Amino acid sequence: MTRPDSTWPGGSSWGRLAPEHRAAIGTVLLLALATCLLIVALPMVGSLVIGAAVVAGFAGAGAATLYVLSRD
């Protein structure tokens, strides 16, 4: 037996949300995703930048060494 509003007693009415509630849920999910992105992705990007700087430093030092050793 269903209720007049098509929900079961104690059940969810997810399919009957008003559009403004759906927009609010979408906004909350978007903010949660952005927060996870900031917590997880930014340190990874920072590590890549630091790693690239270290590799560039060694490459520059190697190039300078080769230049100095190749001069007569």
Protein backbone atom coordinates (compact mmCIF):
# COMPACT_ATOMS: atom_id res chain seq x y z
CA MET A 1 0.00 0.00 0.00
CA THR A 2 1.38 3.40 -0.92
CA ARG A 3 0.72 6.72 0.63
CA PRO A 4 -0.96 9.47 -1.37
CA ASP A 5 2.40 11.20 -1.88
CA SER A 6 3.88 7.96 -3.30
CA THR A 7 6.35 7.42 -0.47
CA TRP A 8 6.57 4.46 1.86
CA PRO A 9 6.24 5.06 5.58
CA GLY A 10 9.72 5.86 6.81
CA GLY A 11 11.02 5.70 3.23
CA SER A 12 12.88 8.20 1.12
CA SER A 13 11.24 10.82 -1.04
CA TRP A 14 14.42 11.41 -3.12
CA GLY A 15 12.49 11.38 -6.41
CA ARG A 16 10.11 14.06 -5.23
CA LEU A 17 12.59 16.79 -4.32
CA ALA A 18 11.81 20.31 -5.31
CA PRO A 19 14.16 21.83 -7.92
CA GLU A 20 15.65 24.26 -5.40
CA HIS A 21 16.52 21.34 -3.12
CA ARG A 22 18.18 19.51 -6.00
CA ALA A 23 20.25 22.60 -6.73
CA ALA A 24 21.29 22.81 -3.08
CA ILE A 25 22.32 19.15 -3.06
CA GLY A 26 24.28 19.69 -6.27
CA THR A 27 26.05 22.67 -4.74
CA VAL A 28 26.97 20.69 -1.62
CA LEU A 29 28.32 17.83 -3.73
CA LEU A 30 30.32 20.26 -5.86
CA LEU A 31 31.84 21.87 -2.76
CA ALA A 32 32.69 18.45 -1.33
CA LEU A 33 34.41 17.48 -4.58
CA ALA A 34 36.35 20.76 -4.66
CA THR A 35 37.45 20.24 -1.05
CA CYS A 36 38.69 16.73 -1.83
CA LEU A 37 40.47 18.11 -4.87
CA LEU A 38 42.25 20.72 -2.77
CA ILE A 39 43.20 18.23 -0.07
CA VAL A 40 44.43 15.49 -2.43
CA ALA A 41 45.49 17.08 -5.72
CA LEU A 42 47.30 20.24 -4.63
CA PRO A 43 49.97 18.44 -2.58
CA MET A 44 50.55 16.14 -5.54
CA VAL A 45 50.93 19.12 -7.88
CA GLY A 46 53.26 20.79 -5.37
CA SER A 47 55.38 17.66 -5.21
CA LEU A 48 55.60 17.57 -9.00
CA VAL A 49 56.69 21.21 -9.10
CA ILE A 50 59.37 20.64 -6.46
CA GLY A 51 60.53 17.50 -8.26
CA ALA A 52 60.73 19.37 -11.57
CA ALA A 53 62.77 22.14 -9.92
CA VAL A 54 65.23 19.60 -8.48
CA VAL A 55 65.61 17.83 -11.83
CA ALA A 56 66.08 21.18 -13.60
CA GLY A 57 68.76 22.13 -11.08
CA PHE A 58 70.68 18.91 -11.66
CA ALA A 59 70.28 19.25 -15.42
CA GLY A 60 71.57 22.83 -15.29
CA ALA A 61 74.52 21.81 -13.16
CA GLY A 62 75.29 18.93 -15.52
CA ALA A 63 75.09 21.20 -18.56
CA ALA A 64 77.37 23.75 -16.91
CA THR A 65 79.86 21.01 -16.02
CA LEU A 66 79.89 19.70 -19.58
CA TYR A 67 80.36 23.23 -20.92
CA VAL A 68 83.29 23.92 -18.59
CA LEU A 69 84.95 20.56 -19.32
CA SER A 70 84.53 20.91 -23.07
CA ARG A 71 86.31 24.29 -23.26
CA ASP A 72 89.94 24.37 -24.30
